[in-house]
Amino acid sequence: MTEVDQVWCTDIIYIPMPQGHGYLVAIMDWHSRAVLAWEVSNSMDAEFCIRALQRAFERTGRKPKVFNTDQGSQFTSPEWIQAIEGHSIKVRMDGKGRWKDNVLIERLWRSVKYEKLRLWSYQTVGEASQLVSDWMEFYNHRRSHTALGG
């Protein structure tokens, strides 16, 4: 990608907790590698993904030309597709089992898992959300990105 807002992507990971799991979704710009928005939830439904999407639109005031996701149920749901196509954005989904199609957000997950999620124990979704917020601030504003010359 040669410029910001050509392609945005998203994915979900789980956060182990004493009583079940929390779920983290992030919206990322492929070119800048910036996390535009994220959300932690205790349920893995399309609604929390759409909230993150709306937050990305609000924070940036922009939208991508193409939005890339995997084929998870949240991203194939009519609500998600409508939220994307309603902004005249093209929907693109990874091929089944093709994690490389969304490698940039997979790299984000590797970083957040090893630098934050596996180092702490979270008792509540709120606690996990605050710690993830701190890490996302670090990632977007202070962490070096070799692909971007840092």
Foldseek 3Di string as FASTA:
>chain_A
DADWQQEKEKDKDWFDAPPAIKMKMFIATPPLLATQFMDIGPDPALVRVLVRVVSSCVRPVDHHQEYEYEPDPSCPDPVNVCSQVVVVHHYHYDDVPCCVVVVSVVVVVVCCVVVPRVVDHDHDSVRVVVRVVVVSCCVRPPDDDVVVVD
